[in-house]
Structures are given as C-alpha cells and as structure tokens.
C-alpha atoms as a PDB file:
ATOM      1  CA  UNK A   1     120.494  73.402  86.504  1.00  0.00           C
ATOM      2  CA  UNK A   2     117.520  73.916  88.804  1.00  0.00           C
ATOM      3  CA  UNK A   3     114.155  73.934  87.110  1.00  0.00           C
ATOM      4  CA  UNK A   4     111.453  74.971  89.572  1.00  0.00           C
ATOM      5  CA  UNK A   5     107.961  76.065  88.653  1.00  0.00           C
ATOM      6  CA  UNK A   6     106.030  78.284  91.029  1.00  0.00           C
ATOM      7  CA  UNK A   7     102.479  79.437  91.384  1.00  0.00           C
ATOM      8  CA  UNK A   8     102.100  82.859  92.987  1.00  0.00           C
ATOM      9  CA  UNK A   9      99.002  84.719  94.081  1.00  0.00           C
ATOM     10  CA  UNK A  10      98.358  88.445  93.914  1.00  0.00           C
ATOM     11  CA  UNK A  11      99.352  88.802  97.577  1.00  0.00           C
ATOM     12  CA  UNK A  12     102.893  87.648  96.844  1.00  0.00           C
ATOM     13  CA  UNK A  13     102.527  84.206  98.433  1.00  0.00           C
ATOM     14  CA  UNK A  14     103.945  81.333  96.443  1.00  0.00           C
ATOM     15  CA  UNK A  15     104.106  77.561  96.223  1.00  0.00           C
ATOM     16  CA  UNK A  16     106.831  75.701  94.383  1.00  0.00           C
ATOM     17  CA  UNK A  17     106.370  72.613  92.240  1.00  0.00           C
ATOM     18  CA  UNK A  18     108.688  70.370  90.268  1.00  0.00           C
ATOM     19  CA  UNK A  19     106.811  70.408  86.974  1.00  0.00           C
ATOM     20  CA  UNK A  20     104.712  72.816  84.955  1.00  0.00           C
ATOM     21  CA  UNK A  21     101.890  70.263  84.885  1.00  0.00           C
ATOM     22  CA  UNK A  22     101.820  70.191  88.694  1.00  0.00           C
ATOM     23  CA  UNK A  23     101.742  74.011  88.790  1.00  0.00           C
ATOM     24  CA  UNK A  24      98.848  74.108  86.307  1.00  0.00           C
ATOM     25  CA  UNK A  25      96.925  71.564  88.374  1.00  0.00           C
ATOM     26  CA  UNK A  26      97.483  73.568  91.586  1.00  0.00           C
ATOM     27  CA  UNK A  27      96.399  76.796  89.856  1.00  0.00           C
ATOM     28  CA  UNK A  28      93.159  75.170  88.718  1.00  0.00           C
ATOM     29  CA  UNK A  29      92.457  73.910  92.260  1.00  0.00           C
ATOM     30  CA  UNK A  30      93.198  77.321  93.805  1.00  0.00           C
ATOM     31  CA  UNK A  31      91.005  79.155  91.299  1.00  0.00           C
ATOM     32  CA  UNK A  32      88.122  76.715  91.796  1.00  0.00           C
ATOM     33  CA  UNK A  33      88.248  77.159  95.584  1.00  0.00           C
ATOM     34  CA  UNK A  34      89.054  80.859  95.943  1.00  0.00           C
ATOM     35  CA  UNK A  35      86.799  83.040  98.029  1.00  0.00           C
ATOM     36  CA  UNK A  36      88.550  86.357  97.446  1.00  0.00           C
ATOM     37  CA  UNK A  37      89.946  88.439  94.609  1.00  0.00           C
ATOM     38  CA  UNK A  38      93.294  86.642  94.395  1.00  0.00           C
ATOM     39  CA  UNK A  39      94.702  85.995  90.961  1.00  0.00           C
ATOM     40  CA  UNK A  40      97.239  83.265  90.325  1.00  0.00           C
ATOM     41  CA  UNK A  41     100.267  83.135  88.010  1.00  0.00           C
ATOM     42  CA  UNK A  42     102.547  80.315  87.007  1.00  0.00           C
ATOM     43  CA  UNK A  43     106.202  80.948  86.237  1.00  0.00           C
ATOM     44  CA  UNK A  44     109.480  79.141  85.801  1.00  0.00           C
ATOM     45  CA  UNK A  45     112.064  80.540  88.224  1.00  0.00           C
ATOM     46  CA  UNK A  46     114.677  80.637  85.472  1.00  0.00           C
ATOM     47  CA  UNK A  47     112.480  83.063  83.508  1.00  0.00           C
ATOM     48  CA  UNK A  48     111.653  85.517  86.305  1.00  0.00           C
ATOM     49  CA  UNK A  49     113.370  88.899  86.545  1.00  0.00           C
ATOM     50  CA  UNK A  50     114.379  90.547  89.825  1.00  0.00           C
ATOM     51  CA  UNK A  51     112.360  93.405  91.318  1.00  0.00           C
ATOM     52  CA  UNK A  52     114.441  95.158  93.997  1.00  0.00           C
ATOM     53  CA  UNK A  53     112.440  96.795  96.809  1.00  0.00           C
ATOM     54  CA  UNK A  54     113.831  99.451  99.143  1.00  0.00           C
ATOM     55  CA  UNK A  55     112.347 100.792 102.363  1.00  0.00           C
ATOM     56  CA  UNK A  56     111.806 104.559 102.357  1.00  0.00           C
ATOM     57  CA  UNK A  57     111.969 106.899 105.364  1.00  0.00           C
ATOM     58  CA  UNK A  58     108.199 106.555 105.955  1.00  0.00           C
ATOM     59  CA  UNK A  59     108.260 102.744 106.155  1.00  0.00           C
ATOM     60  CA  UNK A  60     106.884 102.139 102.652  1.00  0.00           C
ATOM     61  CA  UNK A  61     108.505  99.759 100.199  1.00  0.00           C
ATOM     62  CA  UNK A  62     109.445 101.373  96.888  1.00  0.00           C
ATOM     63  CA  UNK A  63     109.542  98.897  93.994  1.00  0.00           C
ATOM     64  CA  UNK A  64     111.720  99.211  90.919  1.00  0.00           C
ATOM     65  CA  UNK A  65     108.608  98.602  88.814  1.00  0.00           C
ATOM     66  CA  UNK A  66     107.249 101.970  89.973  1.00  0.00           C
ATOM     67  CA  UNK A  67     104.929 101.087  92.846  1.00  0.00           C
ATOM     68  CA  UNK A  68     104.794 101.502  96.614  1.00  0.00           C
ATOM     69  CA  UNK A  69     103.742  98.813  99.077  1.00  0.00           C
ATOM     70  CA  UNK A  70     103.054  98.991 102.818  1.00  0.00           C
ATOM     71  CA  UNK A  71     102.824  96.221 105.384  1.00  0.00           C
ATOM     72  CA  UNK A  72     100.918  96.810 108.614  1.00  0.00           C
ATOM     73  CA  UNK A  73     103.393  94.534 110.391  1.00  0.00           C
ATOM     74  CA  UNK A  74     106.536  92.587 109.644  1.00  0.00           C
ATOM     75  CA  UNK A  75     109.128  92.346 106.926  1.00  0.00           C
ATOM     76  CA  UNK A  76     108.987  90.979 103.383  1.00  0.00           C
ATOM     77  CA  UNK A  77     110.061  87.569 104.638  1.00  0.00           C
ATOM     78  CA  UNK A  78     107.724  87.577 107.644  1.00  0.00           C
ATOM     79  CA  UNK A  79     104.838  88.334 105.276  1.00  0.00           C
ATOM     80  CA  UNK A  80     106.000  85.522 102.964  1.00  0.00           C
ATOM     81  CA  UNK A  81     106.547  87.879 100.038  1.00  0.00           C
ATOM     82  CA  UNK A  82     108.910  86.326  97.518  1.00  0.00           C
ATOM     83  CA  UNK A  83     107.486  87.845  94.311  1.00  0.00           C
ATOM     84  CA  UNK A  84     106.320  91.341  93.429  1.00  0.00           C
ATOM     85  CA  UNK A  85     102.506  91.453  93.223  1.00  0.00           C
ATOM     86  CA  UNK A  86     102.767  94.241  90.615  1.00  0.00           C
ATOM     87  CA  UNK A  87     105.222  92.889  88.026  1.00  0.00           C
ATOM     88  CA  UNK A  88     105.725  89.274  89.143  1.00  0.00           C
ATOM     89  CA  UNK A  89     109.489  89.702  89.597  1.00  0.00           C
ATOM     90  CA  UNK A  90     111.485  87.916  92.294  1.00  0.00           C
ATOM     91  CA  UNK A  91     111.777  90.271  95.294  1.00  0.00           C
ATOM     92  CA  UNK A  92     115.232  91.466  96.230  1.00  0.00           C
ATOM     93  CA  UNK A  93     115.514  93.569  99.372  1.00  0.00           C
ATOM     94  CA  UNK A  94     117.864  96.524  98.858  1.00  0.00           C
ATOM     95  CA  UNK A  95     120.089  97.439 101.792  1.00  0.00           C
ATOM     96  CA  UNK A  96     119.222 100.663 103.588  1.00  0.00           C
ATOM     97  CA  UNK A  97     120.566 103.778 101.995  1.00  0.00           C
ATOM     98  CA  UNK A  98     123.217 105.646 103.927  1.00  0.00           C
ATOM     99  CA  UNK A  99     122.221 109.055 105.290  1.00  0.00           C
ATOM    100  CA  UNK A 100     123.874 111.899 103.434  1.00  0.00           C
END
C-alpha cells in the first residue's frame, strides 16, 4: 500500500513527502518564508476524496464542490493543479460532455 503525504498550497500546487513529519517540516518552512496569501495544508493521499472538474462552454472549470475556476492559460496539468483549492480533493478531469 502506498502511503504518501503531501503539502498543498491554496493555488493547487503540491509537494509530496514520504512521512508526515517531513510534510510538517516543509509546511513550517513554507509558512515562515511566504510572501503572499498562500495557505498550506497537509494530507495523506489515502484520505483525500476526489473532486471532479469539468470544462464548461465558456472555458471555466466547474467543480463538484460547487465552485468555478478559470485559468488565463493552459490546462489543469500545465498549471500544476493536482488538488482542488476549494475543498482539497484530488482533481479528476471529467471528459467533455457530448453535444445534445
């Protein structure tokens, strides 16, 4: 069984660690050196729920946790988004809906 701890910031960027202690240490370093409004969370990947995102017709991402998100450029992966900045869930990109 894989046991990976991650630290994620409010922008959806993440860093993985092998132990909770390492994640706590990284969080403390990040918070001591931050120069913006980022917040940091620590989570065990086994405990994180999925948050599917789907792209609407206007180019906005609709989240299953009830929010909308827009990127000026690029995809979820190109923007290094792996976790939802609203609920903390693991991002899952939903395939495009078929036109009716």
